[in-house]
Amino acid sequence: MKPAVLTIALLTASNVFMTFAWYAHLRNLAHKPWIIAALLSWGIALFEYLLQVPANRIGYTVMSLPQLKVLQEVITLAVFVPFAIFYMRQPLKLDYLWAGLCLMGAVYFIFRR
């Protein structure tokens, strides 16, 4: 598998874990003490790091650091928007489109040669 494709796949999986670690407790553990939410979130975040660290190491062989960062932000938004809408039951907003367009601009500028 090409390093860029593997990087994108690993960062996407990592972001799924990250998003659940950061935000799912707001829905599922709202009535539990924060320390329980923190400990469970740290447990989920371990899996994020087990994917994110190799993803960045692999990606850094074919991308610059700024390219990796912008790619990460695009993937974060691509994972977060469906999570917010479908899992957290947040309304779909036009602001998601504008944010996505801004990120597309960032991708263009950081990856152009």
C-alpha atoms as a PDB file:
ATOM      1  CA  MET A   1       0.000   0.000   0.000  1.00  0.00           C
ATOM      2  CA  LYS A   2       1.282   3.477  -0.841  1.00  0.00           C
ATOM      3  CA  PRO A   3       2.474   5.509   2.165  1.00  0.00           C
ATOM      4  CA  ALA A   4       0.018   8.356   1.488  1.00  0.00           C
ATOM      5  CA  VAL A   5      -2.963   5.990   1.279  1.00  0.00           C
ATOM      6  CA  LEU A   6      -1.878   4.113   4.405  1.00  0.00           C
ATOM      7  CA  THR A   7      -1.391   7.425   6.223  1.00  0.00           C
ATOM      8  CA  ILE A   8      -4.894   8.584   5.302  1.00  0.00           C
ATOM      9  CA  ALA A   9      -6.430   5.261   6.377  1.00  0.00           C
ATOM     10  CA  LEU A  10      -4.602   5.235   9.720  1.00  0.00           C
ATOM     11  CA  LEU A  11      -5.347   8.906  10.415  1.00  0.00           C
ATOM     12  CA  THR A  12      -9.022   8.354   9.629  1.00  0.00           C
ATOM     13  CA  ALA A  13      -9.241   5.396  12.016  1.00  0.00           C
ATOM     14  CA  SER A  14      -7.281   7.375  14.605  1.00  0.00           C
ATOM     15  CA  ASN A  15      -9.712  10.267  14.268  1.00  0.00           C
ATOM     16  CA  VAL A  16     -12.701   8.022  14.876  1.00  0.00           C
ATOM     17  CA  PHE A  17     -11.179   6.968  18.200  1.00  0.00           C
ATOM     18  CA  MET A  18     -10.170  10.555  19.001  1.00  0.00           C
ATOM     19  CA  THR A  19     -13.622  11.929  18.309  1.00  0.00           C
ATOM     20  CA  PHE A  20     -15.273   9.329  20.526  1.00  0.00           C
ATOM     21  CA  ALA A  21     -12.675   9.869  23.264  1.00  0.00           C
ATOM     22  CA  TRP A  22     -13.192  13.635  23.214  1.00  0.00           C
ATOM     23  CA  TYR A  23     -16.935  13.936  22.754  1.00  0.00           C
ATOM     24  CA  ALA A  24     -18.944  10.705  23.221  1.00  0.00           C
ATOM     25  CA  HIS A  25     -18.862  11.072  27.017  1.00  0.00           C
ATOM     26  CA  LEU A  26     -20.978  14.220  26.634  1.00  0.00           C
ATOM     27  CA  ARG A  27     -23.839  12.009  25.503  1.00  0.00           C
ATOM     28  CA  ASN A  28     -23.143   8.718  27.258  1.00  0.00           C
ATOM     29  CA  LEU A  29     -21.630   9.730  30.581  1.00  0.00           C
ATOM     30  CA  ALA A  30     -23.202  13.116  31.241  1.00  0.00           C
ATOM     31  CA  HIS A  31     -24.503  11.979  34.633  1.00  0.00           C
ATOM     32  CA  LYS A  32     -21.285  10.308  35.761  1.00  0.00           C
ATOM     33  CA  PRO A  33     -18.432  12.065  37.580  1.00  0.00           C
ATOM     34  CA  TRP A  34     -15.931  13.688  35.228  1.00  0.00           C
ATOM     35  CA  ILE A  35     -13.120  11.418  36.433  1.00  0.00           C
ATOM     36  CA  ILE A  36     -14.950   8.360  35.070  1.00  0.00           C
ATOM     37  CA  ALA A  37     -15.389  10.086  31.720  1.00  0.00           C
ATOM     38  CA  ALA A  38     -11.723  11.098  31.731  1.00  0.00           C
ATOM     39  CA  LEU A  39     -10.483   7.583  32.489  1.00  0.00           C
ATOM     40  CA  LEU A  40     -12.690   6.014  29.824  1.00  0.00           C
ATOM     41  CA  SER A  41     -11.657   8.699  27.340  1.00  0.00           C
ATOM     42  CA  TRP A  42      -7.978   8.042  28.070  1.00  0.00           C
ATOM     43  CA  GLY A  43      -8.580   4.356  27.424  1.00  0.00           C
ATOM     44  CA  ILE A  44     -10.126   5.136  24.051  1.00  0.00           C
ATOM     45  CA  ALA A  45      -7.385   7.663  23.276  1.00  0.00           C
ATOM     46  CA  LEU A  46      -4.748   4.942  23.670  1.00  0.00           C
ATOM     47  CA  PHE A  47      -6.085   3.340  20.489  1.00  0.00           C
ATOM     48  CA  GLU A  48      -5.988   6.719  18.788  1.00  0.00           C
ATOM     49  CA  TYR A  49      -2.295   7.094  19.538  1.00  0.00           C
ATOM     50  CA  LEU A  50      -1.529   3.518  18.491  1.00  0.00           C
ATOM     51  CA  LEU A  51      -2.791   4.499  15.025  1.00  0.00           C
ATOM     52  CA  GLN A  52      -1.838   8.184  14.884  1.00  0.00           C
ATOM     53  CA  VAL A  53       1.860   7.827  15.711  1.00  0.00           C
ATOM     54  CA  PRO A  54       2.584   5.237  12.984  1.00  0.00           C
ATOM     55  CA  ALA A  55       0.401   7.211  10.559  1.00  0.00           C
ATOM     56  CA  ASN A  56       2.474  10.344  11.048  1.00  0.00           C
ATOM     57  CA  ARG A  57       5.751   8.431  10.828  1.00  0.00           C
ATOM     58  CA  ILE A  58       4.675   6.788   7.574  1.00  0.00           C
ATOM     59  CA  GLY A  59       3.214  10.011   6.199  1.00  0.00           C
ATOM     60  CA  TYR A  60       6.348  11.981   7.009  1.00  0.00           C
ATOM     61  CA  THR A  61       8.268   9.820   4.524  1.00  0.00           C
ATOM     62  CA  VAL A  62       6.247  11.317   1.654  1.00  0.00           C
ATOM     63  CA  MET A  63       4.767  14.563   3.063  1.00  0.00           C
ATOM     64  CA  SER A  64       6.063  17.609   4.845  1.00  0.00           C
ATOM     65  CA  LEU A  65       5.038  18.409   8.402  1.00  0.00           C
ATOM     66  CA  PRO A  66       2.638  21.195   7.289  1.00  0.00           C
ATOM     67  CA  GLN A  67       1.068  18.825   4.759  1.00  0.00           C
ATOM     68  CA  LEU A  68       0.518  16.218   7.487  1.00  0.00           C
ATOM     69  CA  LYS A  69      -1.102  18.826   9.732  1.00  0.00           C
ATOM     70  CA  VAL A  70      -3.502  20.096   7.073  1.00  0.00           C
ATOM     71  CA  LEU A  71      -4.357  16.516   6.093  1.00  0.00           C
ATOM     72  CA  GLN A  72      -5.105  15.776   9.753  1.00  0.00           C
ATOM     73  CA  GLU A  73      -7.453  18.761   9.991  1.00  0.00           C
ATOM     74  CA  VAL A  74      -9.333  17.755   6.849  1.00  0.00           C
ATOM     75  CA  ILE A  75      -9.742  14.212   8.149  1.00  0.00           C
ATOM     76  CA  THR A  76     -10.835  15.568  11.531  1.00  0.00           C
ATOM     77  CA  LEU A  77     -13.635  17.573   9.956  1.00  0.00           C
ATOM     78  CA  ALA A  78     -14.618  14.665   7.684  1.00  0.00           C
ATOM     79  CA  VAL A  79     -14.965  12.421  10.747  1.00  0.00           C
ATOM     80  CA  PHE A  80     -16.414  15.012  13.115  1.00  0.00           C
ATOM     81  CA  VAL A  81     -19.307  16.262  10.972  1.00  0.00           C
ATOM     82  CA  PRO A  82     -20.984  12.828  10.553  1.00  0.00           C
ATOM     83  CA  PHE A  83     -20.277  12.097  14.230  1.00  0.00           C
ATOM     84  CA  ALA A  84     -21.918  15.358  15.306  1.00  0.00           C
ATOM     85  CA  ILE A  85     -24.944  14.851  13.072  1.00  0.00           C
ATOM     86  CA  PHE A  86     -25.608  11.141  13.454  1.00  0.00           C
ATOM     87  CA  TYR A  87     -24.194  10.219  16.864  1.00  0.00           C
ATOM     88  CA  MET A  88     -24.558  13.432  18.837  1.00  0.00           C
ATOM     89  CA  ARG A  89     -27.771  14.405  16.986  1.00  0.00           C
ATOM     90  CA  GLN A  90     -26.624  17.933  16.217  1.00  0.00           C
ATOM     91  CA  PRO A  91     -28.364  19.800  13.391  1.00  0.00           C
ATOM     92  CA  LEU A  92     -26.660  20.002  10.019  1.00  0.00           C
ATOM     93  CA  LYS A  93     -25.449  23.568   9.501  1.00  0.00           C
ATOM     94  CA  LEU A  94     -24.303  25.476   6.483  1.00  0.00           C
ATOM     95  CA  ASP A  95     -21.246  26.427   8.542  1.00  0.00           C
ATOM     96  CA  TYR A  96     -19.936  22.869   8.027  1.00  0.00           C
ATOM     97  CA  LEU A  97     -19.873  23.537   4.285  1.00  0.00           C
ATOM     98  CA  TRP A  98     -18.015  26.828   4.728  1.00  0.00           C
ATOM     99  CA  ALA A  99     -15.483  25.201   7.060  1.00  0.00           C
ATOM    100  CA  GLY A 100     -14.992  22.410   4.544  1.00  0.00           C
ATOM    101  CA  LEU A 101     -14.424  24.914   1.742  1.00  0.00           C
ATOM    102  CA  CYS A 102     -11.845  26.750   3.850  1.00  0.00           C
ATOM    103  CA  LEU A 103     -10.046  23.475   4.467  1.00  0.00           C
ATOM    104  CA  MET A 104     -10.129  22.669   0.758  1.00  0.00           C
ATOM    105  CA  GLY A 105      -8.359  25.980   0.214  1.00  0.00           C
ATOM    106  CA  ALA A 106      -5.789  25.038   2.836  1.00  0.00           C
ATOM    107  CA  VAL A 107      -5.254  21.668   1.135  1.00  0.00           C
ATOM    108  CA  TYR A 108      -4.755  23.378  -2.208  1.00  0.00           C
ATOM    109  CA  PHE A 109      -2.169  25.811  -0.899  1.00  0.00           C
ATOM    110  CA  ILE A 110      -0.232  23.334   1.226  1.00  0.00           C
ATOM    111  CA  PHE A 111      -0.062  20.582  -1.423  1.00  0.00           C
ATOM    112  CA  ARG A 112       0.510  22.661  -4.574  1.00  0.00           C
ATOM    113  CA  ARG A 113       3.908  22.377  -6.131  1.00  0.00           C
END
